[in-house]
């Protein structure tokens, strides 16, 4: 494997969530999970609600829950551009579980909104559980 690192940015619609160097990024796209290593060929893909896992240059795992958006890879630069992104250590696990239960049972959403709320809550739970 190359000694090079990836320059990674995870961005939500209103903030830069994380920026730094990494050895690998894993994200979920419409085509399935994709792993990005240094020297990855250029890629532009659509993100789906899920978890982004960044393996930092220091050997740590940084995790975030993200909603729909885009993943861009070119010249060892990875941009995760999500409508909503939340670092795992900022997620209240009990609140995320309550949000999931409400999305499944409340009837306050139409079918499409309910499915989206369930996917986002599940992503937040997975990200928070990885951080603990």
Protein backbone atom coordinates (compact mmCIF):
# COMPACT_ATOMS: atom_id res chain seq x y z
CA UNK A 1 0.00 0.00 0.00
CA UNK A 2 1.11 3.52 -0.68
CA UNK A 3 2.53 5.68 2.11
CA UNK A 4 0.26 8.47 0.92
CA UNK A 5 -2.71 9.63 2.91
CA UNK A 6 -6.16 10.84 1.95
CA UNK A 7 -7.23 14.40 2.68
CA UNK A 8 -10.81 14.02 3.94
CA UNK A 9 -13.61 16.47 4.60
CA UNK A 10 -17.02 15.56 6.01
CA UNK A 11 -19.41 18.45 5.45
CA UNK A 12 -23.08 18.97 6.26
CA UNK A 13 -25.28 21.62 4.70
CA UNK A 14 -24.39 24.07 7.45
CA UNK A 15 -20.98 23.06 8.87
CA UNK A 16 -17.64 21.35 8.41
CA UNK A 17 -17.96 18.28 10.64
CA UNK A 18 -14.44 16.83 10.27
CA UNK A 19 -11.35 17.49 8.24
CA UNK A 20 -8.01 15.75 8.31
CA UNK A 21 -5.79 13.04 6.93
CA UNK A 22 -6.84 9.42 6.78
CA UNK A 23 -5.70 6.04 5.57
CA UNK A 24 -9.20 4.85 4.59
CA UNK A 25 -12.81 6.01 4.30
CA UNK A 26 -15.85 3.74 4.22
CA UNK A 27 -19.24 5.11 3.16
CA UNK A 28 -22.59 3.79 1.95
CA UNK A 29 -23.70 4.79 -1.53
CA UNK A 30 -26.62 3.83 -3.74
CA UNK A 31 -24.34 1.10 -5.13
CA UNK A 32 -23.50 -0.28 -1.66
CA UNK A 33 -20.62 0.27 0.76
CA UNK A 34 -17.45 1.65 -0.77
CA UNK A 35 -13.97 1.71 0.73
CA UNK A 36 -11.56 4.42 -0.35
CA UNK A 37 -7.79 4.00 -0.01
CA UNK A 38 -4.96 6.25 -1.23
CA UNK A 39 -4.62 6.28 -5.02
CA UNK A 40 -8.30 5.35 -5.48
CA UNK A 41 -9.54 6.15 -8.96
CA UNK A 42 -11.80 9.20 -9.30
CA UNK A 43 -15.34 8.61 -8.14
CA UNK A 44 -18.55 10.59 -7.76
CA UNK A 45 -21.37 8.76 -6.06
CA UNK A 46 -24.64 9.41 -4.27
CA UNK A 47 -24.64 8.84 -0.51
CA UNK A 48 -27.57 7.24 1.26
CA UNK A 49 -28.47 7.52 4.93
CA UNK A 50 -25.81 5.59 6.79
CA UNK A 51 -22.49 5.68 8.57
CA UNK A 52 -19.18 7.09 7.36
CA UNK A 53 -16.11 5.55 8.98
CA UNK A 54 -12.81 7.42 8.63
CA UNK A 55 -9.59 5.70 9.69
CA UNK A 56 -7.40 8.62 10.68
CA UNK A 57 -3.67 8.91 10.02
CA UNK A 58 -3.21 8.37 13.78
CA UNK A 59 -4.89 4.96 13.53
CA UNK A 60 -8.16 5.97 15.17
CA UNK A 61 -11.64 5.41 13.83
CA UNK A 62 -13.82 8.53 13.45
CA UNK A 63 -17.48 7.78 12.76
CA UNK A 64 -20.44 9.93 11.70
CA UNK A 65 -24.06 9.41 10.78
CA UNK A 66 -24.88 11.03 7.44
CA UNK A 67 -27.98 11.56 5.38
CA UNK A 68 -28.23 11.69 1.63
CA UNK A 69 -25.60 13.59 -0.30
CA UNK A 70 -22.52 13.02 -2.42
CA UNK A 71 -19.16 11.29 -2.15
CA UNK A 72 -16.37 12.69 -4.29
CA UNK A 73 -12.91 11.14 -4.68
CA UNK A 74 -10.07 12.56 -6.77
CA UNK A 75 -6.31 12.93 -6.32
CA UNK A 76 -6.31 11.50 -2.76
CA UNK A 77 -9.01 13.96 -1.70
CA UNK A 78 -12.30 12.63 -0.34
CA UNK A 79 -15.30 14.88 0.16
CA UNK A 80 -18.36 13.60 1.97
CA UNK A 81 -21.10 16.15 1.34
CA UNK A 82 -24.26 15.31 3.25
CA UNK A 83 -27.48 17.17 3.87
CA UNK A 84 -27.10 16.25 7.57
CA UNK A 85 -23.97 14.86 9.25
CA UNK A 86 -23.41 14.21 12.93
CA UNK A 87 -20.25 12.95 14.62
CA UNK A 88 -20.88 9.79 16.63
CA UNK A 89 -19.65 11.34 19.88
CA UNK A 90 -22.30 14.08 19.51
CA UNK A 91 -25.20 11.63 19.23
CA UNK A 92 -27.39 10.94 22.27
CA UNK A 93 -27.97 7.19 21.89
CA UNK A 94 -31.13 7.09 24.03
CA UNK A 95 -32.64 10.01 22.10
CA UNK A 96 -31.78 8.31 18.80
CA UNK A 97 -33.53 5.13 20.00
CA UNK A 98 -36.58 7.16 21.05
CA UNK A 99 -36.57 8.91 17.65
CA UNK A 100 -36.52 5.51 15.94
CA UNK A 101 -39.45 4.24 17.99
CA UNK A 102 -41.44 7.44 17.32
CA UNK A 103 -40.71 7.21 13.57
CA UNK A 104 -41.94 3.61 13.50
CA UNK A 105 -45.11 4.08 15.52
CA UNK A 106 -46.31 7.68 15.73
CA UNK A 107 -48.14 8.05 12.44
CA UNK A 108 -47.02 11.70 12.30
CA UNK A 109 -45.20 11.06 9.00
CA UNK A 110 -46.45 9.92 5.60
CA UNK A 111 -44.96 6.63 4.39
CA UNK A 112 -41.98 8.21 2.59
CA UNK A 113 -41.17 10.55 5.49
CA UNK A 114 -41.48 7.68 7.96
CA UNK A 115 -39.04 5.55 5.96
CA UNK A 116 -36.58 8.44 5.84
CA UNK A 117 -36.94 9.12 9.57
CA UNK A 118 -36.37 5.41 10.32
CA UNK A 119 -33.24 5.26 8.11
CA UNK A 120 -31.77 8.38 9.72
CA UNK A 121 -32.50 7.18 13.25
CA UNK A 122 -30.98 3.77 12.48
CA UNK A 123 -27.84 5.44 11.06
CA UNK A 124 -27.52 7.63 14.16
CA UNK A 125 -27.86 4.56 16.41
CA UNK A 126 -25.21 2.60 14.45
CA UNK A 127 -22.80 5.55 14.58
CA UNK A 128 -23.34 6.11 18.31
CA UNK A 129 -22.91 2.40 19.08
CA UNK A 130 -19.60 2.33 17.21
CA UNK A 131 -18.35 5.21 19.34
CA UNK A 132 -19.07 3.43 22.63
